Amino acid sequence: MTSTTTTRETSQTPMNYQADPEQSLSEAVLEAVAVATDVDQLALADEFDPLYHAIDPSALDSLFRERCEADRAVGSVTFEYAGFLVSVDRTGQVTLTS
């Protein structure tokens, strides 16, 4: 089950989304943006351009992919998409800041 935490007191308040363990990070980003913008996930590309215009989804997915029994690699990546500064970390936490 995914979880979304939203507190939009100001335009700078981040929205956090936790991906399912089996969910790819690119799918988690799309789902988080869909929730934040109230745009159907399938319509995001029409509304904001495809995700691959901002970041290579395959590279994002492989960046923190689990290796054997070890946890995902350490770190995070930040990029702009759909008017948000999107940060994704190794735990599957997606943070959107407008």
Protein backbone atom coordinates (compact mmCIF):
# COMPACT_ATOMS: atom_id res chain seq x y z
CA MET A 1 0.00 0.00 0.00
CA THR A 2 1.30 3.44 -0.85
CA SER A 3 0.96 6.44 1.37
CA THR A 4 0.70 10.09 0.54
CA THR A 5 1.12 12.94 2.96
CA THR A 6 -0.03 16.34 1.80
CA THR A 7 -0.08 19.56 3.74
CA ARG A 8 -0.46 22.43 1.29
CA GLU A 9 -0.30 25.41 3.66
CA THR A 10 1.98 27.28 1.28
CA SER A 11 3.15 26.62 -2.25
CA GLN A 12 6.55 25.62 -0.86
CA THR A 13 5.26 22.89 1.47
CA PRO A 14 6.50 19.55 0.15
CA MET A 15 4.24 16.61 -0.57
CA ASN A 16 5.64 13.20 0.37
CA TYR A 17 4.76 9.90 -1.26
CA GLN A 18 6.07 6.47 -0.26
CA ALA A 19 6.33 3.92 -3.05
CA ASP A 20 5.34 0.31 -2.60
CA PRO A 21 8.38 -1.98 -2.34
CA GLU A 22 7.42 -3.61 -5.67
CA GLN A 23 6.66 -0.28 -7.42
CA SER A 24 9.29 1.19 -9.74
CA LEU A 25 10.52 4.65 -8.83
CA SER A 26 9.34 6.09 -12.15
CA GLU A 27 5.83 4.76 -11.45
CA ALA A 28 6.01 6.24 -7.95
CA VAL A 29 6.93 9.66 -9.36
CA LEU A 30 4.03 9.54 -11.82
CA GLU A 31 1.58 8.48 -9.11
CA ALA A 32 2.78 11.22 -6.74
CA VAL A 33 2.46 13.90 -9.43
CA ALA A 34 -0.98 12.59 -10.43
CA VAL A 35 -2.18 12.86 -6.81
CA ALA A 36 -0.62 16.31 -6.31
CA THR A 37 -2.08 17.76 -9.51
CA ASP A 38 -5.37 15.87 -9.52
CA VAL A 39 -4.61 14.73 -13.07
CA ASP A 40 -5.17 11.12 -14.10
CA GLN A 41 -1.84 9.30 -14.27
CA LEU A 42 -2.49 8.33 -17.91
CA ALA A 43 -3.07 12.00 -18.83
CA LEU A 44 0.14 13.35 -17.25
CA ALA A 45 2.14 13.13 -20.48
CA ASP A 46 -0.49 15.18 -22.30
CA GLU A 47 -0.72 17.73 -19.50
CA PHE A 48 2.97 18.08 -18.55
CA ASP A 49 5.02 16.22 -21.20
CA PRO A 50 6.29 12.69 -20.76
CA LEU A 51 8.47 11.90 -17.75
CA TYR A 52 11.34 11.02 -20.08
CA HIS A 53 11.62 14.69 -21.06
CA ALA A 54 12.73 15.36 -17.45
CA ILE A 55 14.63 12.15 -16.62
CA ASP A 56 15.27 8.75 -18.15
CA PRO A 57 12.72 6.51 -16.37
CA SER A 58 14.83 3.37 -16.92
CA ALA A 59 17.88 5.06 -15.42
CA LEU A 60 15.83 6.26 -12.45
CA ASP A 61 14.46 2.76 -11.88
CA SER A 62 17.89 1.13 -12.09
CA LEU A 63 19.64 3.75 -9.96
CA PHE A 64 18.27 2.37 -6.71
CA ARG A 65 17.33 -1.14 -7.86
CA GLU A 66 17.94 -3.78 -5.24
CA ARG A 67 21.04 -5.83 -5.81
CA CYS A 68 20.59 -9.43 -4.63
CA GLU A 69 19.82 -9.40 -0.91
CA ALA A 70 21.30 -5.96 -0.24
CA ASP A 71 19.25 -2.80 0.22
CA ARG A 72 18.94 -0.26 -2.55
CA ALA A 73 21.98 1.87 -3.25
CA VAL A 74 22.53 4.93 -1.07
CA GLY A 75 21.60 8.43 -2.22
CA SER A 76 18.90 10.48 -3.87
CA VAL A 77 18.18 12.18 -7.17
CA THR A 78 16.40 15.49 -7.77
CA PHE A 79 14.93 16.82 -11.01
CA GLU A 80 12.13 19.09 -12.25
CA TYR A 81 8.87 17.71 -13.61
CA ALA A 82 5.33 19.08 -13.97
CA GLY A 83 6.19 22.28 -12.12
CA PHE A 84 7.64 20.43 -9.13
CA LEU A 85 11.11 19.87 -7.83
CA VAL A 86 11.01 16.07 -7.49
CA SER A 87 13.36 14.28 -5.08
CA VAL A 88 13.52 10.49 -4.95
CA ASP A 89 15.60 8.58 -2.44
CA ARG A 90 16.72 4.98 -2.04
CA THR A 91 13.79 4.15 0.26
CA GLY A 92 11.20 4.99 -2.42
CA GLN A 93 10.30 8.30 -0.78
CA VAL A 94 9.18 10.81 -3.43
CA THR A 95 9.05 14.46 -2.34
CA LEU A 96 7.38 17.10 -4.52
CA THR A 97 8.08 20.77 -3.86
CA SER A 98 6.47 23.49 -5.95
